Amino acid sequence: MLLVLLLLPPMCWAVEVKRPRGVSLTNHHFYDESKPFTCLDGSASVPFDQVNDDYCDCKDGSDEPGTAACPNGSFHCTNTGYKPLYISSRWVNDGVCDCCDGTDEYNSGIVCENTCKEKGRKERETLQQMAEVTREGFRLKKILIEDWKRAREEKQKKLTELQAGKKSLEDQVELLRTLKEEAEKPEKEAKDQHRKLWEEQLTASKAQREQELATSAFQELDDDMDGAVSVAELQTHPELDTDGDGALSEGEAQTLLGGDTQTDAASFSDRIWAAIRDKYRSEVLPTDLPSPSVPALTEPKEEQPLVPSQPAEEEDEEEEETEEEEGGEEGEDEDSQETPPPVVPPQTVSPTEEDKMPPYDEQTQAFINAAQEARNKFEEAERSLKDVEESIRNLEQEISFDFGPNGEFAYLYSQCYELTTNEYVYRLCPFKLVSQKPKLGGSPTSLGTWGSWAGPDHDKFSAMKYEQGTGCWQGPNRSTTVRLLCGKETVVTSTTEPSRCEYLMELMTPAACPEPPPEPPASGNHDEL
């Protein structure tokens, strides 16, 4: 309204209409000195000479517009050269200049400087600046509308192309899926056969190793080398104790032998070894004589391969060393009948060597390579299809989005704007989210995600609502209302928290500028608003 007044042609507002002090020009007809005054609320009538007599006769205070007699009365400041103003009658002659023309202090002894002309000048400058911002902002808004119109047409064209290309990609994906499945069949068969042969070899190797361990244990237990292990011989290994008393009794030993007093090598391997193998320990060679490393006679981790047998020369050397040791021992005590040294089981190596499946043969590897190539082509085509589907979804969403009456707010869709305060950095990504992050570092807090346009019914696109942000401690989820203001630039101008967990942000944008009124014709100077 002020902008319209500014642009009006000069009028003869200086005509003085006779009226009581404190009465506005629009109400002067109620104050006719030729007849009694009727209170504006109709509560009473008084002789006109009681108007402004410093005594309140009307309940609404309308008989004392120019005095402070009625606390509920109003005093009208004419403020020629600036904006007219109503003030409370209580402020009349209170020693404070409330009207810029000083008419409220006519009888207080205070001299008020008339500042209306200067205020009017500043007001007009402000209004002129606002008018310029509005004109420029609206000019930019029209450009934004045209930009979105062209962009929307381009996006619609691209969407049509993507939708057409999607069918071709779907057909290609299905064809490559079929080729992949066909290539994977011989691959699977070859790999399964390879694994089966490897597992059979692994099982056979394990069985052989188990047999060797059993044979070695039998030879060590057969102290008298008569081809049988007796109860007494078994008792020389107290670690096989079953009742926890630290010794293997005759009964316990006979139980381990299946109720027999002795067992031969075949029966030991078939029945006895499995029952004692986890407890059995090989006899320890004398520690004062050099001897080769003898591992415990227990099975290593499953599927440990055996080390290839040592060369004959190394075996001969080890045998000679063993004979020398035995000879030395016999020399020290010729009468003692020592049992033969325990048989050293075959040396073992790291279990990973045998656990690792051997490389595929050339034919199997060829099947694998062909299947992998088919998989790669299928996955590449599938990724392309997913990318196209994602692009289609994004374009459909953007094209159908409500960007204002003429799409003027569309340019905000892919942008983000920040405002830094003493404590936080606020980030607004229109139509997506609002966040708050500590200025000195830390994780961002969501102040809400896009909800809807939230302006009043007559101006729906003047505000945005962002909802369901991070929950407050023992409070609701954070939310933000973004008020849109007319401006030549796009910038977040302020962020406040009017109530707990509810934020108010102001975004200046050309898209919010209304169409300005026509510029008035150039004419003479006009000093009044």
Protein backbone atom coordinates (compact mmCIF):
# COMPACT_ATOMS: atom_id res chain seq x y z
CA MET A 1 0.00 0.00 0.00
CA LEU A 2 2.84 2.36 0.87
CA LEU A 3 4.41 1.62 -2.49
CA VAL A 4 1.16 2.57 -4.21
CA LEU A 5 0.97 5.80 -2.20
CA LEU A 6 4.53 6.59 -3.15
CA LEU A 7 3.68 6.27 -6.80
CA LEU A 8 0.48 8.34 -6.68
CA PRO A 9 0.53 11.75 -8.46
CA PRO A 10 0.77 14.87 -6.29
CA MET A 11 -2.42 15.74 -4.42
CA CYS A 12 -3.44 18.76 -2.46
CA TRP A 13 -3.14 17.21 0.99
CA ALA A 14 -2.22 20.55 2.52
CA VAL A 15 -5.86 21.71 2.67
CA GLU A 16 -6.64 22.33 6.34
CA VAL A 17 -9.95 20.92 7.53
CA LYS A 18 -11.10 22.36 10.83
CA ARG A 19 -11.38 19.66 13.50
CA PRO A 20 -10.58 19.22 17.20
CA ARG A 21 -7.00 18.38 18.21
CA GLY A 22 -6.23 14.67 17.95
CA VAL A 23 -9.00 13.94 15.42
CA SER A 24 -8.11 12.34 12.09
CA LEU A 25 -9.29 13.76 8.79
CA THR A 26 -11.46 10.70 8.18
CA ASN A 27 -13.31 11.21 11.50
CA HIS A 28 -13.70 14.98 11.41
CA HIS A 29 -17.36 14.79 10.38
CA PHE A 30 -18.22 13.22 13.75
CA TYR A 31 -17.06 16.39 15.46
CA ASP A 32 -19.50 19.14 14.30
CA GLU A 33 -19.25 22.06 16.69
CA SER A 34 -22.73 23.23 15.69
CA LYS A 35 -24.41 20.36 17.53
CA PRO A 36 -23.84 18.14 20.57
CA PHE A 37 -21.18 15.42 20.27
CA THR A 38 -22.30 11.81 20.30
CA CYS A 39 -19.73 9.34 21.61
CA LEU A 40 -18.48 7.13 18.80
CA ASP A 41 -19.66 4.03 20.66
CA GLY A 42 -23.10 5.65 21.04
CA SER A 43 -22.95 5.46 24.83
CA ALA A 44 -23.76 9.17 25.44
CA SER A 45 -24.10 12.67 24.00
CA VAL A 46 -22.47 15.78 25.47
CA PRO A 47 -22.42 19.46 24.55
CA PHE A 48 -19.69 20.08 22.00
CA ASP A 49 -17.84 22.40 24.37
CA GLN A 50 -17.07 19.32 26.52
CA VAL A 51 -14.93 17.86 23.72
CA ASN A 52 -11.27 18.05 24.73
CA ASP A 53 -12.17 19.70 28.05
CA ASP A 54 -9.75 17.30 29.85
CA TYR A 55 -12.61 15.34 31.39
CA CYS A 56 -13.63 11.93 30.13
CA ASP A 57 -17.39 11.79 29.39
CA CYS A 58 -17.50 8.90 26.87
CA LYS A 59 -16.75 5.29 27.81
CA ASP A 60 -14.67 4.89 24.65
CA GLY A 61 -12.78 8.15 25.33
CA SER A 62 -13.84 9.61 21.96
CA ASP A 63 -14.78 12.98 23.52
CA GLU A 64 -11.13 13.55 24.53
CA PRO A 65 -9.12 12.82 21.35
CA GLY A 66 -6.62 15.57 22.12
CA THR A 67 -6.04 15.14 25.89
CA ALA A 68 -4.85 12.47 28.28
CA ALA A 69 -8.12 12.43 30.24
CA CYS A 70 -9.31 9.07 28.89
CA PRO A 71 -6.78 6.22 29.31
CA ASN A 72 -8.50 4.23 26.55
CA GLY A 73 -8.60 7.10 24.08
CA SER A 74 -6.53 7.58 20.91
CA PHE A 75 -4.64 10.64 19.69
CA HIS A 76 -4.14 11.10 15.97
CA CYS A 77 -0.74 12.40 14.79
CA THR A 78 -1.14 14.15 11.43
CA ASN A 79 2.60 13.81 10.73
CA THR A 80 2.46 15.86 7.52
CA GLY A 81 5.25 14.64 5.22
CA TYR A 82 5.31 11.20 6.81
CA LYS A 83 2.77 8.54 7.84
CA PRO A 84 -0.23 9.44 10.01
CA LEU A 85 -0.20 7.61 13.35
CA TYR A 86 -2.51 6.83 16.25
CA ILE A 87 -1.03 6.79 19.75
CA SER A 88 -2.58 6.19 23.17
CA SER A 89 -4.12 9.27 24.75
CA ARG A 90 -2.09 8.53 27.87
CA TRP A 91 1.03 9.59 25.96
CA VAL A 92 -0.31 13.09 25.24
CA ASN A 93 1.70 15.78 27.05
CA ASP A 94 3.78 13.16 28.90
CA GLY A 95 7.06 14.85 28.03
CA VAL A 96 7.95 12.37 25.27
CA CYS A 97 7.67 13.28 21.59
CA ASP A 98 5.69 10.40 20.08
CA CYS A 99 4.45 12.17 16.94
CA CYS A 100 7.16 13.17 14.48
CA ASP A 101 5.40 16.57 14.12
CA GLY A 102 5.38 17.02 17.94
CA THR A 103 1.63 17.74 18.13
CA ASP A 104 1.19 15.32 21.08
CA GLU A 105 3.28 17.60 23.31
CA TYR A 106 1.45 20.87 22.72
CA ASN A 107 1.10 21.69 26.43
CA SER A 108 3.93 19.84 28.20
CA GLY A 109 6.59 22.51 27.90
CA ILE A 110 8.67 20.17 25.74
CA VAL A 111 9.81 21.50 22.38
CA CYS A 112 9.64 18.70 19.82
CA GLU A 113 11.57 18.94 16.58
CA ASN A 114 9.46 18.19 13.52
CA THR A 115 11.22 15.20 11.95
CA CYS A 116 8.39 14.14 9.64
CA LYS A 117 9.98 15.49 6.49
CA GLU A 118 13.26 13.62 7.14
CA LYS A 119 11.42 10.43 8.07
CA GLY A 120 9.33 10.73 4.95
CA ARG A 121 12.43 11.16 2.84
CA LYS A 122 14.07 8.04 4.33
CA GLU A 123 10.84 6.10 4.01
CA ARG A 124 10.57 7.00 0.36
CA GLU A 125 14.18 5.97 -0.23
CA THR A 126 13.48 2.64 1.45
CA LEU A 127 10.34 2.15 -0.57
CA GLN A 128 12.19 3.06 -3.74
CA GLN A 129 14.88 0.51 -2.91
CA MET A 130 12.23 -2.12 -2.18
CA ALA A 131 10.52 -1.26 -5.43
CA GLU A 132 13.81 -1.64 -7.30
CA VAL A 133 14.47 -5.00 -5.65
CA THR A 134 10.96 -6.13 -6.52
CA ARG A 135 11.29 -5.01 -10.13
CA GLU A 136 14.70 -6.64 -10.57
CA GLY A 137 13.67 -9.77 -8.68
CA PHE A 138 10.55 -10.14 -10.79
CA ARG A 139 12.62 -9.70 -13.95
CA LEU A 140 14.85 -12.55 -12.78
CA LYS A 141 11.80 -14.57 -11.82
CA LYS A 142 10.53 -14.41 -15.39
CA ILE A 143 13.90 -15.68 -16.58
CA LEU A 144 13.70 -18.55 -14.08
CA ILE A 145 10.24 -19.42 -15.36
CA GLU A 146 11.48 -19.50 -18.96
CA ASP A 147 14.54 -21.54 -17.94
CA TRP A 148 12.35 -24.14 -16.25
CA LYS A 149 10.03 -24.27 -19.21
CA ARG A 150 12.93 -25.10 -21.53
CA ALA A 151 14.54 -27.46 -18.99
CA ARG A 152 11.25 -29.28 -18.46
CA GLU A 153 10.84 -29.80 -22.21
CA GLU A 154 14.40 -31.15 -22.42
CA LYS A 155 13.85 -33.43 -19.44
CA GLN A 156 10.60 -34.69 -20.93
CA LYS A 157 12.39 -35.43 -24.20
CA LYS A 158 15.19 -37.23 -22.38
CA LEU A 159 12.63 -39.19 -20.34
CA THR A 160 10.93 -40.34 -23.52
CA GLU A 161 14.28 -41.48 -24.95
CA LEU A 162 15.20 -43.34 -21.76
CA GLN A 163 11.83 -45.07 -21.61
CA ALA A 164 12.27 -46.21 -25.20
CA GLY A 165 15.81 -47.40 -24.56
CA LYS A 166 14.78 -49.22 -21.39
CA LYS A 167 12.86 -51.89 -23.36
CA SER A 168 15.90 -52.62 -25.51
CA LEU A 169 18.08 -52.90 -22.41
CA GLU A 170 15.60 -55.24 -20.74
CA ASP A 171 15.68 -57.54 -23.78
CA GLN A 172 19.48 -57.44 -23.78
CA VAL A 173 19.65 -58.25 -20.07
CA GLU A 174 17.35 -61.27 -20.51
CA LEU A 175 19.40 -62.54 -23.47
CA LEU A 176 22.66 -62.17 -21.54
CA ARG A 177 21.06 -63.83 -18.51
CA THR A 178 20.24 -66.86 -20.65
CA LEU A 179 23.77 -66.96 -22.10
CA LYS A 180 25.22 -66.65 -18.62
CA GLU A 181 23.14 -69.52 -17.28
CA GLU A 182 24.07 -71.68 -20.25
CA ALA A 183 27.78 -70.93 -19.72
CA GLU A 184 27.54 -71.64 -16.00
CA LYS A 185 26.21 -75.17 -16.45
CA PRO A 186 29.42 -76.74 -17.89
CA GLU A 187 31.43 -74.55 -15.51
CA LYS A 188 29.57 -75.98 -12.51
CA GLU A 189 29.85 -79.55 -13.75
CA ALA A 190 33.60 -79.19 -14.34
CA LYS A 191 34.22 -77.49 -11.00
CA ASP A 192 32.10 -80.08 -9.16
CA GLN A 193 34.04 -82.90 -10.82
CA HIS A 194 37.34 -81.23 -9.97
CA ARG A 195 36.31 -80.80 -6.32
CA LYS A 196 35.01 -84.37 -6.13
CA LEU A 197 38.32 -85.79 -7.35
CA TRP A 198 40.22 -83.56 -4.95
CA GLU A 199 38.05 -84.58 -1.99
CA GLU A 200 38.48 -88.26 -2.90
CA GLN A 201 42.25 -87.79 -2.95
CA LEU A 202 42.04 -85.92 0.33
CA THR A 203 40.01 -88.73 1.91
CA ALA A 204 42.42 -91.37 0.64
CA SER A 205 45.41 -89.38 1.88
CA LYS A 206 43.78 -88.99 5.28
CA ALA A 207 43.03 -92.69 5.49
CA GLN A 208 46.59 -93.53 4.54
CA ARG A 209 47.97 -91.14 7.12
CA GLU A 210 45.67 -92.58 9.75
CA GLN A 211 46.86 -96.06 8.90
CA GLU A 212 50.49 -94.95 9.16
CA LEU A 213 49.84 -93.36 12.55
CA ALA A 214 48.14 -96.54 13.77
CA THR A 215 50.98 -98.73 12.48
CA SER A 216 53.59 -96.49 14.10
CA ALA A 217 51.72 -96.58 17.43
CA PHE A 218 51.34 -100.36 17.28
CA GLN A 219 55.07 -100.83 16.64
CA GLU A 220 55.90 -98.57 19.56
CA LEU A 221 53.48 -100.38 21.90
CA ASP A 222 54.71 -103.84 20.83
CA ASP A 223 57.66 -103.75 23.23
CA ASP A 224 58.62 -107.41 22.78
CA MET A 225 58.08 -107.19 19.03
CA ASP A 226 55.97 -110.37 19.02
CA GLY A 227 53.41 -108.92 16.64
CA ALA A 228 50.81 -108.27 19.32
CA VAL A 229 50.07 -105.55 21.89
CA SER A 230 49.18 -106.94 25.31
CA VAL A 231 47.46 -105.47 28.35
CA ALA A 232 50.83 -105.05 30.07
CA GLU A 233 52.33 -103.28 27.10
CA LEU A 234 49.35 -100.94 26.89
CA GLN A 235 49.77 -100.10 30.59
CA THR A 236 53.13 -98.49 29.84
CA HIS A 237 51.17 -95.46 28.56
CA PRO A 238 49.44 -93.95 31.62
CA GLU A 239 48.10 -91.05 29.52
CA LEU A 240 45.45 -93.52 28.31
CA ASP A 241 43.95 -93.58 31.82
CA THR A 242 40.15 -93.52 31.71
CA ASP A 243 39.12 -92.98 35.34
CA GLY A 244 41.34 -89.95 36.03
CA ASP A 245 43.63 -91.52 38.68
CA GLY A 246 46.73 -91.00 36.52
CA ALA A 247 47.41 -94.71 35.97
CA LEU A 248 46.10 -97.24 33.47
CA SER A 249 44.92 -100.28 35.40
CA GLU A 250 44.85 -103.77 34.02
CA GLY A 251 41.07 -103.62 33.78
CA GLU A 252 41.12 -100.30 32.00
CA ALA A 253 43.73 -101.60 29.56
CA GLN A 254 41.71 -104.76 28.88
CA THR A 255 38.61 -102.62 28.29
CA LEU A 256 40.54 -100.54 25.75
CA LEU A 257 41.52 -103.82 24.02
CA GLY A 258 37.84 -104.72 23.70
CA GLY A 259 37.96 -107.28 26.51
CA ASP A 260 40.91 -109.19 25.01
CA THR A 261 44.29 -109.65 26.65
CA GLN A 262 46.10 -108.68 23.48
CA THR A 263 45.48 -107.56 19.91
CA ASP A 264 47.24 -107.94 16.60
CA ALA A 265 48.14 -105.11 14.19
CA ALA A 266 45.02 -105.45 12.01
CA SER A 267 42.62 -105.47 14.97
CA PHE A 268 44.54 -102.60 16.62
CA SER A 269 44.21 -100.49 13.51
CA ASP A 270 40.53 -101.32 12.96
CA ARG A 271 39.19 -101.14 16.54
CA ILE A 272 41.67 -99.91 19.13
CA TRP A 273 43.42 -96.96 17.53
CA ALA A 274 40.30 -94.85 17.10
CA ALA A 275 39.59 -95.16 20.87
CA ILE A 276 43.06 -94.14 22.07
CA ARG A 277 44.39 -91.83 19.34
CA ASP A 278 43.32 -88.55 21.01
CA LYS A 279 45.12 -89.43 24.27
CA TYR A 280 48.03 -91.41 22.94
CA ARG A 281 51.48 -89.83 23.15
CA SER A 282 54.62 -91.19 21.57
CA GLU A 283 57.37 -92.18 23.98
CA VAL A 284 60.01 -89.48 24.43
CA LEU A 285 63.55 -90.25 23.40
CA PRO A 286 66.33 -89.62 25.97
CA THR A 287 66.99 -85.89 26.18
CA ASP A 288 70.75 -86.26 26.75
CA LEU A 289 71.31 -87.81 23.36
CA PRO A 290 71.00 -86.03 20.04
CA SER A 291 67.93 -87.18 18.19
CA PRO A 292 65.81 -86.04 15.32
CA SER A 293 62.68 -84.08 16.05
CA VAL A 294 59.85 -86.45 16.79
CA PRO A 295 56.39 -84.93 16.57
CA ALA A 296 53.63 -86.18 18.84
CA LEU A 297 51.97 -89.23 17.42
CA THR A 298 48.60 -87.61 17.05
CA GLU A 299 46.85 -86.66 13.91
CA PRO A 300 47.39 -83.03 12.91
CA LYS A 301 44.54 -80.91 11.67
CA GLU A 302 42.36 -82.57 9.12
CA GLU A 303 43.61 -83.06 5.65
CA GLN A 304 47.27 -82.31 6.39
CA PRO A 305 49.37 -83.69 3.56
CA LEU A 306 52.38 -85.78 4.21
CA VAL A 307 55.86 -84.54 3.36
CA PRO A 308 57.40 -86.43 0.48
CA SER A 309 59.79 -89.12 1.72
CA GLN A 310 63.35 -88.02 2.30
CA PRO A 311 66.06 -88.98 -0.18
CA ALA A 312 67.73 -92.34 0.46
CA GLU A 313 71.05 -90.74 1.38
CA GLU A 314 69.49 -88.62 4.12
CA GLU A 315 67.65 -91.67 5.45
CA ASP A 316 70.92 -93.66 5.61
CA GLU A 317 72.62 -90.84 7.49
CA GLU A 318 69.80 -90.67 10.02
CA GLU A 319 69.89 -94.45 10.49
CA GLU A 320 73.64 -94.35 11.12
CA GLU A 321 73.20 -91.59 13.70
CA THR A 322 70.48 -93.58 15.40
CA GLU A 323 72.66 -96.71 15.50
CA GLU A 324 75.52 -94.75 17.03
CA GLU A 325 73.22 -93.41 19.72
CA GLU A 326 71.89 -96.87 20.44
CA GLY A 327 75.39 -98.27 20.58
CA GLY A 328 76.47 -95.61 23.05
CA GLU A 329 73.51 -96.33 25.25
CA GLU A 330 74.19 -100.08 25.21
CA GLY A 331 77.80 -99.39 26.13
CA GLU A 332 76.78 -97.61 29.26
CA ASP A 333 74.49 -100.41 30.42
CA GLU A 334 74.98 -103.63 28.51
CA ASP A 335 72.85 -105.69 30.91
CA SER A 336 69.78 -103.46 30.65
CA GLN A 337 67.21 -104.67 28.19
CA GLU A 338 66.05 -101.47 26.53
CA THR A 339 63.02 -101.52 24.28
CA PRO A 340 63.62 -100.49 20.72
CA PRO A 341 63.31 -96.76 20.19
CA PRO A 342 59.86 -95.64 19.08
CA VAL A 343 59.22 -95.52 15.42
CA VAL A 344 59.35 -91.91 14.23
CA PRO A 345 56.20 -91.14 12.28
CA PRO A 346 56.50 -89.48 8.90
CA GLN A 347 57.28 -85.78 9.05
CA THR A 348 54.35 -83.46 8.41
CA VAL A 349 54.12 -80.04 6.83
CA SER A 350 51.79 -77.11 7.03
CA PRO A 351 48.16 -78.25 6.69
CA THR A 352 47.42 -75.47 4.26
CA GLU A 353 49.35 -77.18 1.47
CA GLU A 354 46.94 -80.09 1.26
CA ASP A 355 43.86 -78.10 2.29
CA LYS A 356 44.35 -75.86 -0.71
CA MET A 357 42.58 -77.23 -3.73
CA PRO A 358 44.93 -77.73 -6.68
CA PRO A 359 44.61 -75.50 -9.77
CA TYR A 360 41.93 -76.35 -12.29
CA ASP A 361 42.91 -78.26 -15.38
CA GLU A 362 42.98 -76.44 -18.71
CA GLN A 363 39.53 -77.56 -19.83
CA THR A 364 37.86 -76.60 -16.52
CA GLN A 365 39.59 -73.22 -16.52
CA ALA A 366 38.33 -72.61 -20.04
CA PHE A 367 34.75 -73.25 -18.85
CA ILE A 368 35.31 -70.89 -15.91
CA ASN A 369 36.71 -68.14 -18.14
CA ALA A 370 33.78 -68.43 -20.57
CA ALA A 371 31.25 -68.33 -17.72
CA GLN A 372 32.98 -65.34 -16.11
CA GLU A 373 32.95 -63.43 -19.36
CA ALA A 374 29.22 -64.15 -19.69
CA ARG A 375 28.67 -62.98 -16.10
CA ASN A 376 30.60 -59.78 -16.70
CA LYS A 377 28.55 -58.93 -19.77
CA PHE A 378 25.30 -59.69 -17.95
CA GLU A 379 26.26 -57.63 -14.87
CA GLU A 380 27.35 -54.70 -17.03
CA ALA A 381 24.05 -54.73 -18.91
CA GLU A 382 22.13 -55.08 -15.63
CA ARG A 383 23.97 -52.08 -14.17
CA SER A 384 23.15 -50.07 -17.27
CA LEU A 385 19.48 -51.00 -16.92
CA LYS A 386 19.44 -50.00 -13.23
CA ASP A 387 21.10 -46.68 -14.09
CA VAL A 388 18.47 -46.01 -16.74
CA GLU A 389 15.65 -46.95 -14.33
CA GLU A 390 17.11 -44.62 -11.68
CA SER A 391 17.38 -41.79 -14.21
CA ILE A 392 13.77 -42.37 -15.26
CA ARG A 393 12.58 -42.24 -11.64
CA ASN A 394 14.52 -39.03 -10.97
CA LEU A 395 13.25 -37.34 -14.13
CA GLU A 396 9.65 -38.37 -13.47
CA GLN A 397 9.88 -37.04 -9.92
CA GLU A 398 11.44 -33.74 -11.00
CA ILE A 399 9.04 -33.18 -13.90
CA SER A 400 5.99 -33.84 -11.73
CA PHE A 401 7.24 -31.83 -8.72
CA ASP A 402 5.29 -28.75 -7.65
CA PHE A 403 7.81 -25.94 -8.18
CA GLY A 404 5.30 -23.11 -7.89
CA PRO A 405 2.58 -21.72 -10.15
CA ASN A 406 4.96 -21.42 -13.11
CA GLY A 407 7.91 -23.53 -11.98
CA GLU A 408 9.82 -20.50 -10.73
CA PHE A 409 11.26 -22.41 -7.74
CA ALA A 410 12.60 -25.30 -9.86
CA TYR A 411 16.14 -23.90 -9.95
CA LEU A 412 16.40 -24.53 -6.17
CA TYR A 413 15.92 -28.30 -6.62
CA SER A 414 19.58 -29.21 -7.08
CA GLN A 415 21.08 -26.46 -4.89
CA CYS A 416 22.11 -26.09 -1.25
CA TYR A 417 22.62 -22.87 0.73
CA GLU A 418 24.41 -22.27 4.02
CA LEU A 419 24.30 -19.74 6.84
CA THR A 420 27.10 -19.63 9.41
CA THR A 421 26.42 -18.28 12.90
CA ASN A 422 28.63 -18.09 16.00
CA GLU A 423 27.83 -21.69 16.91
CA TYR A 424 26.45 -23.52 13.89
CA VAL A 425 26.48 -23.91 10.14
CA TYR A 426 22.91 -24.22 8.86
CA ARG A 427 22.42 -25.94 5.51
CA LEU A 428 19.27 -25.78 3.41
CA CYS A 429 18.83 -28.02 0.38
CA PRO A 430 15.40 -26.95 -0.94
CA PHE A 431 12.88 -29.75 -1.47
CA LYS A 432 15.24 -32.15 0.31
CA LEU A 433 16.45 -31.31 3.83
CA VAL A 434 17.63 -28.82 6.44
CA SER A 435 20.54 -29.55 8.77
CA GLN A 436 22.57 -27.99 11.55
CA LYS A 437 26.25 -28.70 12.15
CA PRO A 438 28.51 -27.38 14.95
CA LYS A 439 30.82 -24.71 13.59
CA LEU A 440 33.89 -26.25 15.27
CA GLY A 441 33.24 -29.73 13.91
CA GLY A 442 30.92 -32.63 14.60
CA SER A 443 28.11 -34.56 12.99
CA PRO A 444 25.20 -32.71 11.36
CA THR A 445 21.75 -32.83 12.96
CA SER A 446 18.70 -33.11 10.74
CA LEU A 447 16.26 -30.25 11.21
CA GLY A 448 13.72 -31.88 8.90
CA THR A 449 13.19 -33.32 5.44
CA TRP A 450 10.91 -31.91 2.76
CA GLY A 451 7.26 -32.01 3.69
CA SER A 452 5.12 -29.56 1.73
CA TRP A 453 4.39 -25.96 0.81
CA ALA A 454 3.20 -24.28 3.99
CA GLY A 455 2.07 -20.75 3.17
CA PRO A 456 -1.47 -19.49 3.88
CA ASP A 457 -4.25 -20.38 1.49
CA HIS A 458 -3.94 -17.13 -0.44
CA ASP A 459 -0.13 -17.41 -0.66
CA LYS A 460 0.71 -21.11 -0.52
CA PHE A 461 4.20 -20.75 -2.03
CA SER A 462 5.47 -18.23 0.52
CA ALA A 463 6.73 -20.90 2.97
CA MET A 464 8.12 -24.44 3.02
CA LYS A 465 7.78 -27.06 5.75
CA TYR A 466 10.51 -29.60 6.58
CA GLU A 467 9.49 -32.32 9.04
CA GLN A 468 10.65 -35.46 10.90
CA GLY A 469 14.15 -34.28 11.73
CA THR A 470 16.31 -35.69 14.52
CA GLY A 471 14.32 -36.10 17.73
CA CYS A 472 14.98 -33.73 20.61
CA TRP A 473 15.87 -35.15 24.00
CA GLN A 474 12.53 -36.04 25.58
CA GLY A 475 10.87 -33.89 22.95
CA PRO A 476 9.42 -33.95 19.44
CA ASN A 477 11.27 -34.41 16.18
CA ARG A 478 12.89 -31.25 14.90
CA SER A 479 11.11 -29.35 12.13
CA THR A 480 11.79 -26.19 10.13
CA THR A 481 9.62 -23.62 8.41
CA VAL A 482 11.39 -21.76 5.60
CA ARG A 483 9.90 -18.37 4.80
CA LEU A 484 10.54 -17.16 1.24
CA LEU A 485 11.31 -13.47 0.74
CA CYS A 486 11.73 -11.41 -2.42
CA GLY A 487 15.34 -10.65 -3.29
CA LYS A 488 17.67 -10.27 -6.24
CA GLU A 489 19.94 -13.03 -4.91
CA THR A 490 19.34 -16.46 -3.43
CA VAL A 491 20.66 -16.53 0.12
CA VAL A 492 19.67 -17.75 3.59
CA THR A 493 19.34 -14.56 5.62
CA SER A 494 18.45 -15.85 9.09
CA THR A 495 17.73 -18.90 11.22
CA THR A 496 16.03 -18.82 14.61
CA GLU A 497 14.39 -21.26 17.01
CA PRO A 498 11.14 -19.56 18.09
CA SER A 499 10.11 -22.60 20.12
CA ARG A 500 11.88 -25.75 21.24
CA CYS A 501 12.86 -27.97 18.29
CA GLU A 502 10.94 -25.76 15.83
CA TYR A 503 13.15 -23.64 13.60
CA LEU A 504 12.38 -20.68 11.36
CA MET A 505 14.60 -19.96 8.39
CA GLU A 506 14.34 -17.13 5.87
CA LEU A 507 15.45 -17.63 2.27
CA MET A 508 15.70 -14.68 -0.08
CA THR A 509 15.03 -15.57 -3.71
CA PRO A 510 13.86 -13.87 -6.94
CA ALA A 511 11.26 -16.60 -7.28
CA ALA A 512 9.34 -15.06 -4.35
CA CYS A 513 9.08 -11.58 -5.93
CA PRO A 514 5.55 -10.43 -6.86
CA GLU A 515 4.79 -8.52 -9.98
CA PRO A 516 5.37 -4.81 -9.18
CA PRO A 517 2.80 -2.11 -10.02
CA PRO A 518 3.39 -0.04 -13.15
CA GLU A 519 5.92 2.72 -12.70
CA PRO A 520 4.24 6.15 -12.40
CA PRO A 521 4.91 8.85 -14.98
CA ALA A 522 7.69 11.25 -14.09
CA SER A 523 6.25 14.39 -12.46
CA GLY A 524 7.01 17.03 -9.84
CA ASN A 525 8.41 16.34 -6.42
CA HIS A 526 6.05 15.03 -3.77
CA ASP A 527 7.02 15.31 -0.14
CA GLU A 528 4.16 13.52 1.59
CA LEU A 529 3.28 9.85 1.95
